[in-house]
Amino acid sequence: MKKILLTFTFLVTALFADSDEDRVTFLFIQKSDKVIDIVKNKKISKDKRNQQIVDTISPMFDFELMAKLSLGKKVWRSLNRSKKQEFIKLYVERMKKSYSSKIDSYTDEEIAIDGVKKTKNTRITLSTSL
């Protein structure tokens, strides 16, 4: 769950880097609360729950960037367009499965925002703990 939270924090930071600190904090809390509500809903199937979670957080992830970073610049540049698209597709599927499988370990932990600061002109860092 910590890995999910750290990745989520990084991606929120990257996505909203040109926003102010209050907006980043608000959006993080909004998405986190929605995911927690979905996880706590025991009336829906595991598959439906996982799909709702993926649907909620996917807009906050730059999967193409994550795929590129996971391979490194040199390897990424060596791939043709078709291979890049294939890798992104497989990477996204794997990430979604990975996050979904970790949801079952959630046991009512609280997410605390430890701080938010503008670290660069185009970057805001939101520090959290579970």
N, C-alpha and C. Protein backbone atom coordinates (compact mmCIF):
# COMPACT_ATOMS: atom_id res chain seq x y z
N MET A 1 0.83 -1.18 0.00
CA MET A 1 0.00 0.00 0.00
C MET A 1 0.89 1.25 0.00
N LYS A 2 2.04 1.19 0.69
CA LYS A 2 2.94 2.35 0.71
C LYS A 2 3.47 2.66 -0.68
N LYS A 3 3.79 1.60 -1.46
CA LYS A 3 4.28 1.82 -2.82
C LYS A 3 3.22 2.51 -3.67
N ILE A 4 1.97 2.09 -3.50
CA ILE A 4 0.87 2.72 -4.23
C ILE A 4 0.80 4.19 -3.87
N LEU A 5 0.85 4.46 -2.58
CA LEU A 5 0.74 5.84 -2.11
C LEU A 5 1.90 6.69 -2.60
N LEU A 6 3.11 6.16 -2.57
CA LEU A 6 4.27 6.92 -3.03
C LEU A 6 4.18 7.21 -4.53
N THR A 7 3.78 6.21 -5.30
CA THR A 7 3.62 6.41 -6.74
C THR A 7 2.51 7.40 -7.01
N PHE A 8 1.42 7.26 -6.30
CA PHE A 8 0.29 8.16 -6.44
C PHE A 8 0.71 9.59 -6.12
N THR A 9 1.48 9.76 -5.05
CA THR A 9 1.97 11.09 -4.67
C THR A 9 2.86 11.66 -5.76
N PHE A 10 3.78 10.86 -6.30
CA PHE A 10 4.66 11.33 -7.36
C PHE A 10 3.85 11.78 -8.57
N LEU A 11 2.88 10.98 -8.94
CA LEU A 11 2.11 11.28 -10.13
C LEU A 11 1.20 12.49 -9.95
N VAL A 12 0.65 12.63 -8.75
CA VAL A 12 -0.13 13.84 -8.48
C VAL A 12 0.77 15.05 -8.58
N THR A 13 1.96 14.93 -8.05
CA THR A 13 2.92 16.03 -8.12
C THR A 13 3.25 16.36 -9.57
N ALA A 14 3.48 15.35 -10.38
CA ALA A 14 3.83 15.60 -11.78
C ALA A 14 2.65 16.18 -12.56
N LEU A 15 1.46 15.66 -12.29
CA LEU A 15 0.28 16.08 -13.04
C LEU A 15 -0.11 17.53 -12.76
N PHE A 16 0.00 17.92 -11.52
CA PHE A 16 -0.48 19.24 -11.15
C PHE A 16 0.65 20.20 -10.80
N ALA A 17 1.80 19.99 -11.43
CA ALA A 17 2.98 20.77 -11.11
C ALA A 17 2.80 22.26 -11.34
N ASP A 18 1.93 22.66 -12.24
CA ASP A 18 1.77 24.08 -12.50
C ASP A 18 0.61 24.68 -11.70
N SER A 19 0.03 23.93 -10.78
CA SER A 19 -1.05 24.41 -9.93
C SER A 19 -0.50 24.89 -8.61
N ASP A 20 -1.33 25.58 -7.85
CA ASP A 20 -0.86 26.00 -6.54
C ASP A 20 -1.00 24.87 -5.53
N GLU A 21 -0.37 25.05 -4.40
CA GLU A 21 -0.30 24.01 -3.39
C GLU A 21 -1.68 23.59 -2.87
N ASP A 22 -2.58 24.55 -2.71
CA ASP A 22 -3.92 24.23 -2.21
C ASP A 22 -4.69 23.34 -3.18
N ARG A 23 -4.55 23.62 -4.47
CA ARG A 23 -5.25 22.82 -5.48
C ARG A 23 -4.72 21.39 -5.49
N VAL A 24 -3.43 21.23 -5.42
CA VAL A 24 -2.83 19.90 -5.39
C VAL A 24 -3.33 19.14 -4.17
N THR A 25 -3.32 19.78 -3.02
CA THR A 25 -3.78 19.14 -1.79
C THR A 25 -5.25 18.73 -1.92
N PHE A 26 -6.08 19.64 -2.40
CA PHE A 26 -7.50 19.36 -2.56
C PHE A 26 -7.73 18.17 -3.49
N LEU A 27 -7.08 18.16 -4.63
CA LEU A 27 -7.28 17.08 -5.60
C LEU A 27 -6.78 15.74 -5.06
N PHE A 28 -5.68 15.77 -4.35
CA PHE A 28 -5.16 14.53 -3.75
C PHE A 28 -6.16 13.98 -2.74
N ILE A 29 -6.66 14.84 -1.87
CA ILE A 29 -7.63 14.42 -0.86
C ILE A 29 -8.90 13.90 -1.52
N GLN A 30 -9.36 14.60 -2.53
CA GLN A 30 -10.57 14.21 -3.24
C GLN A 30 -10.43 12.81 -3.84
N LYS A 31 -9.35 12.56 -4.54
CA LYS A 31 -9.13 11.24 -5.17
C LYS A 31 -8.90 10.16 -4.12
N SER A 32 -8.14 10.48 -3.10
CA SER A 32 -7.86 9.50 -2.04
C SER A 32 -9.15 9.09 -1.33
N ASP A 33 -9.97 10.07 -1.01
CA ASP A 33 -11.24 9.78 -0.33
C ASP A 33 -12.15 8.91 -1.20
N LYS A 34 -12.18 9.21 -2.49
CA LYS A 34 -13.01 8.42 -3.39
C LYS A 34 -12.53 6.97 -3.46
N VAL A 35 -11.22 6.78 -3.55
CA VAL A 35 -10.67 5.42 -3.60
C VAL A 35 -10.96 4.69 -2.29
N ILE A 36 -10.80 5.35 -1.17
CA ILE A 36 -11.08 4.71 0.13
C ILE A 36 -12.55 4.33 0.23
N ASP A 37 -13.45 5.20 -0.23
CA ASP A 37 -14.88 4.87 -0.22
C ASP A 37 -15.15 3.63 -1.07
N ILE A 38 -14.52 3.53 -2.21
CA ILE A 38 -14.70 2.36 -3.07
C ILE A 38 -14.19 1.11 -2.37
N VAL A 39 -13.03 1.20 -1.75
CA VAL A 39 -12.44 0.05 -1.06
C VAL A 39 -13.33 -0.41 0.10
N LYS A 40 -13.92 0.53 0.80
CA LYS A 40 -14.75 0.18 1.96
C LYS A 40 -16.12 -0.38 1.57
N ASN A 41 -16.53 -0.19 0.33
CA ASN A 41 -17.83 -0.68 -0.11
C ASN A 41 -17.76 -2.19 -0.32
N LYS A 42 -18.28 -2.92 0.62
CA LYS A 42 -18.23 -4.40 0.57
C LYS A 42 -19.36 -4.99 -0.26
N LYS A 43 -20.24 -4.14 -0.80
CA LYS A 43 -21.39 -4.62 -1.58
C LYS A 43 -21.04 -4.87 -3.04
N ILE A 44 -19.88 -4.42 -3.47
CA ILE A 44 -19.51 -4.61 -4.88
C ILE A 44 -18.46 -5.71 -4.99
N SER A 45 -18.43 -6.35 -6.14
CA SER A 45 -17.47 -7.43 -6.35
C SER A 45 -16.05 -6.87 -6.40
N LYS A 46 -15.10 -7.75 -6.18
CA LYS A 46 -13.70 -7.36 -6.22
C LYS A 46 -13.32 -6.80 -7.60
N ASP A 47 -13.79 -7.45 -8.65
CA ASP A 47 -13.48 -6.99 -10.01
C ASP A 47 -14.07 -5.61 -10.27
N LYS A 48 -15.30 -5.41 -9.87
CA LYS A 48 -15.94 -4.10 -10.07
C LYS A 48 -15.24 -3.03 -9.23
N ARG A 49 -14.89 -3.39 -8.00
CA ARG A 49 -14.17 -2.46 -7.12
C ARG A 49 -12.85 -2.05 -7.76
N ASN A 50 -12.11 -3.03 -8.23
CA ASN A 50 -10.81 -2.73 -8.82
C ASN A 50 -10.95 -1.86 -10.07
N GLN A 51 -11.97 -2.12 -10.87
CA GLN A 51 -12.19 -1.31 -12.06
C GLN A 51 -12.56 0.12 -11.68
N GLN A 52 -13.37 0.29 -10.66
CA GLN A 52 -13.74 1.64 -10.21
C GLN A 52 -12.51 2.40 -9.70
N ILE A 53 -11.63 1.71 -9.01
CA ILE A 53 -10.41 2.34 -8.50
C ILE A 53 -9.52 2.76 -9.67
N VAL A 54 -9.34 1.85 -10.61
CA VAL A 54 -8.52 2.16 -11.79
C VAL A 54 -9.12 3.35 -12.54
N ASP A 55 -10.44 3.36 -12.71
CA ASP A 55 -11.10 4.46 -13.40
C ASP A 55 -10.91 5.78 -12.66
N THR A 56 -10.87 5.72 -11.35
CA THR A 56 -10.72 6.93 -10.53
C THR A 56 -9.32 7.51 -10.63
N ILE A 57 -8.31 6.66 -10.56
CA ILE A 57 -6.95 7.18 -10.50
C ILE A 57 -6.23 7.26 -11.84
N SER A 58 -6.72 6.55 -12.84
CA SER A 58 -6.04 6.54 -14.14
C SER A 58 -5.81 7.93 -14.73
N PRO A 59 -6.77 8.85 -14.65
CA PRO A 59 -6.50 10.18 -15.22
C PRO A 59 -5.33 10.91 -14.58
N MET A 60 -4.92 10.47 -13.41
CA MET A 60 -3.82 11.11 -12.70
C MET A 60 -2.46 10.52 -13.05
N PHE A 61 -2.46 9.42 -13.80
CA PHE A 61 -1.22 8.75 -14.13
C PHE A 61 -0.81 9.06 -15.56
N ASP A 62 0.43 9.38 -15.75
CA ASP A 62 0.97 9.53 -17.10
C ASP A 62 1.70 8.23 -17.42
N PHE A 63 0.91 7.25 -17.88
CA PHE A 63 1.46 5.92 -18.11
C PHE A 63 2.56 5.91 -19.16
N GLU A 64 2.43 6.74 -20.18
CA GLU A 64 3.48 6.78 -21.20
C GLU A 64 4.80 7.24 -20.59
N LEU A 65 4.74 8.27 -19.78
CA LEU A 65 5.96 8.74 -19.12
C LEU A 65 6.52 7.67 -18.18
N MET A 66 5.65 7.02 -17.43
CA MET A 66 6.10 5.96 -16.53
C MET A 66 6.78 4.84 -17.31
N ALA A 67 6.21 4.48 -18.45
CA ALA A 67 6.80 3.43 -19.29
C ALA A 67 8.18 3.85 -19.78
N LYS A 68 8.27 5.08 -20.27
CA LYS A 68 9.56 5.59 -20.75
C LYS A 68 10.61 5.56 -19.64
N LEU A 69 10.22 6.06 -18.47
CA LEU A 69 11.16 6.12 -17.35
C LEU A 69 11.59 4.73 -16.90
N SER A 70 10.68 3.77 -17.00
CA SER A 70 11.02 2.42 -16.56
C SER A 70 12.05 1.76 -17.47
N LEU A 71 12.05 2.14 -18.74
CA LEU A 71 13.02 1.56 -19.68
C LEU A 71 14.31 2.36 -19.76
N GLY A 72 14.22 3.62 -19.51
CA GLY A 72 15.39 4.48 -19.66
C GLY A 72 15.43 5.08 -21.06
N LYS A 73 16.05 6.23 -21.16
CA LYS A 73 16.07 6.99 -22.41
C LYS A 73 16.69 6.20 -23.57
N LYS A 74 17.80 5.55 -23.31
CA LYS A 74 18.52 4.85 -24.38
C LYS A 74 17.69 3.71 -24.97
N VAL A 75 17.12 2.88 -24.11
CA VAL A 75 16.32 1.76 -24.60
C VAL A 75 15.05 2.27 -25.26
N TRP A 76 14.38 3.26 -24.65
CA TRP A 76 13.16 3.80 -25.22
C TRP A 76 13.38 4.31 -26.64
N ARG A 77 14.45 5.04 -26.83
CA ARG A 77 14.75 5.60 -28.15
C ARG A 77 15.06 4.53 -29.18
N SER A 78 15.54 3.38 -28.73
CA SER A 78 15.90 2.31 -29.66
C SER A 78 14.67 1.56 -30.20
N LEU A 79 13.52 1.74 -29.57
CA LEU A 79 12.31 1.04 -30.00
C LEU A 79 11.60 1.79 -31.11
N ASN A 80 11.00 1.04 -32.02
CA ASN A 80 10.18 1.70 -33.05
C ASN A 80 8.81 2.03 -32.45
N ARG A 81 8.02 2.79 -33.18
CA ARG A 81 6.72 3.26 -32.67
C ARG A 81 5.83 2.10 -32.24
N SER A 82 5.79 1.04 -33.03
CA SER A 82 4.96 -0.11 -32.73
C SER A 82 5.37 -0.77 -31.41
N LYS A 83 6.66 -0.95 -31.22
CA LYS A 83 7.17 -1.57 -29.99
C LYS A 83 6.89 -0.67 -28.77
N LYS A 84 7.01 0.64 -28.97
CA LYS A 84 6.71 1.57 -27.87
C LYS A 84 5.25 1.44 -27.45
N GLN A 85 4.35 1.43 -28.42
CA GLN A 85 2.92 1.32 -28.12
C GLN A 85 2.60 -0.02 -27.46
N GLU A 86 3.23 -1.08 -27.93
CA GLU A 86 3.02 -2.40 -27.34
C GLU A 86 3.51 -2.41 -25.89
N PHE A 87 4.69 -1.82 -25.67
CA PHE A 87 5.23 -1.78 -24.31
C PHE A 87 4.33 -0.97 -23.39
N ILE A 88 3.86 0.17 -23.86
CA ILE A 88 2.98 1.01 -23.03
C ILE A 88 1.73 0.22 -22.65
N LYS A 89 1.13 -0.45 -23.62
CA LYS A 89 -0.09 -1.23 -23.35
C LYS A 89 0.17 -2.29 -22.28
N LEU A 90 1.24 -3.06 -22.45
CA LEU A 90 1.57 -4.10 -21.48
C LEU A 90 1.92 -3.51 -20.12
N TYR A 91 2.64 -2.40 -20.12
CA TYR A 91 3.03 -1.74 -18.88
C TYR A 91 1.78 -1.28 -18.11
N VAL A 92 0.85 -0.65 -18.82
CA VAL A 92 -0.38 -0.16 -18.19
C VAL A 92 -1.17 -1.31 -17.60
N GLU A 93 -1.32 -2.39 -18.35
CA GLU A 93 -2.04 -3.57 -17.84
C GLU A 93 -1.39 -4.10 -16.57
N ARG A 94 -0.08 -4.20 -16.61
CA ARG A 94 0.65 -4.73 -15.45
C ARG A 94 0.53 -3.81 -14.24
N MET A 95 0.63 -2.51 -14.45
CA MET A 95 0.52 -1.56 -13.34
C MET A 95 -0.87 -1.63 -12.72
N LYS A 96 -1.89 -1.67 -13.53
CA LYS A 96 -3.26 -1.75 -13.01
C LYS A 96 -3.48 -3.02 -12.21
N LYS A 97 -2.98 -4.15 -12.72
CA LYS A 97 -3.10 -5.41 -11.98
C LYS A 97 -2.33 -5.35 -10.67
N SER A 98 -1.16 -4.76 -10.73
CA SER A 98 -0.32 -4.66 -9.54
C SER A 98 -1.01 -3.84 -8.45
N TYR A 99 -1.53 -2.69 -8.83
CA TYR A 99 -2.22 -1.84 -7.86
C TYR A 99 -3.47 -2.51 -7.33
N SER A 100 -4.22 -3.13 -8.22
CA SER A 100 -5.46 -3.78 -7.81
C SER A 100 -5.19 -4.90 -6.81
N SER A 101 -4.13 -5.65 -7.02
CA SER A 101 -3.84 -6.77 -6.12
C SER A 101 -3.43 -6.30 -4.73
N LYS A 102 -2.92 -5.10 -4.63
CA LYS A 102 -2.48 -4.58 -3.33
C LYS A 102 -3.62 -3.96 -2.52
N ILE A 103 -4.73 -3.71 -3.15
CA ILE A 103 -5.86 -3.08 -2.48
C ILE A 103 -6.37 -3.95 -1.34
N ASP A 104 -6.30 -5.26 -1.48
CA ASP A 104 -6.80 -6.17 -0.46
C ASP A 104 -6.05 -6.03 0.87
N SER A 105 -4.86 -5.45 0.84
CA SER A 105 -4.11 -5.28 2.08
C SER A 105 -4.52 -4.04 2.87
N TYR A 106 -5.44 -3.24 2.32
CA TYR A 106 -5.90 -2.03 3.02
C TYR A 106 -6.75 -2.41 4.22
N THR A 107 -6.41 -1.84 5.38
CA THR A 107 -7.15 -2.11 6.62
C THR A 107 -7.43 -0.82 7.39
N ASP A 108 -8.12 0.10 6.76
CA ASP A 108 -8.57 1.35 7.39
C ASP A 108 -7.45 2.30 7.80
N GLU A 109 -6.30 2.21 7.16
CA GLU A 109 -5.24 3.17 7.45
C GLU A 109 -5.69 4.56 7.02
N GLU A 110 -5.17 5.55 7.70
CA GLU A 110 -5.46 6.95 7.36
C GLU A 110 -4.30 7.51 6.55
N ILE A 111 -4.62 8.35 5.59
CA ILE A 111 -3.60 9.03 4.81
C ILE A 111 -3.43 10.41 5.40
N ALA A 112 -2.22 10.73 5.78
CA ALA A 112 -1.93 12.05 6.36
C ALA A 112 -1.05 12.84 5.39
N ILE A 113 -1.41 14.08 5.19
CA ILE A 113 -0.59 14.97 4.38
C ILE A 113 0.40 15.64 5.31
N ASP A 114 1.66 15.35 5.11
CA ASP A 114 2.72 15.87 5.98
C ASP A 114 3.19 17.25 5.56
N GLY A 115 3.01 17.57 4.30
CA GLY A 115 3.43 18.88 3.83
C GLY A 115 3.30 19.00 2.33
N VAL A 116 3.22 20.23 1.88
CA VAL A 116 3.15 20.50 0.45
C VAL A 116 3.97 21.75 0.20
N LYS A 117 4.84 21.67 -0.79
CA LYS A 117 5.66 22.84 -1.09
C LYS A 117 6.02 22.88 -2.56
N LYS A 118 6.20 24.07 -3.03
CA LYS A 118 6.62 24.27 -4.41
C LYS A 118 8.13 24.12 -4.43
N THR A 119 8.61 23.08 -5.11
CA THR A 119 10.05 22.80 -5.11
C THR A 119 10.76 23.43 -6.29
N LYS A 120 10.01 23.68 -7.35
CA LYS A 120 10.52 24.36 -8.53
C LYS A 120 9.37 25.17 -9.10
N ASN A 121 9.65 25.97 -10.08
CA ASN A 121 8.60 26.77 -10.70
C ASN A 121 7.45 25.93 -11.25
N THR A 122 7.78 24.75 -11.73
CA THR A 122 6.78 23.88 -12.36
C THR A 122 6.56 22.58 -11.59
N ARG A 123 6.90 22.54 -10.32
CA ARG A 123 6.78 21.30 -9.56
C ARG A 123 6.35 21.59 -8.12
N ILE A 124 5.36 20.81 -7.69
CA ILE A 124 4.90 20.86 -6.30
C ILE A 124 5.05 19.47 -5.73
N THR A 125 5.59 19.37 -4.53
CA THR A 125 5.77 18.09 -3.88
C THR A 125 4.79 17.98 -2.72
N LEU A 126 4.01 16.91 -2.73
CA LEU A 126 3.06 16.64 -1.67
C LEU A 126 3.57 15.42 -0.90
N SER A 127 3.94 15.63 0.35
CA SER A 127 4.46 14.53 1.18
C SER A 127 3.33 13.95 2.00
N THR A 128 3.23 12.63 1.97
CA THR A 128 2.16 11.96 2.69
C THR A 128 2.73 10.78 3.48
N SER A 129 1.92 10.31 4.40
CA SER A 129 2.26 9.08 5.12
C SER A 129 0.98 8.29 5.33
N LEU A 130 1.14 7.01 5.58
CA LEU A 130 0.01 6.13 5.77
C LEU A 130 0.02 5.63 7.19
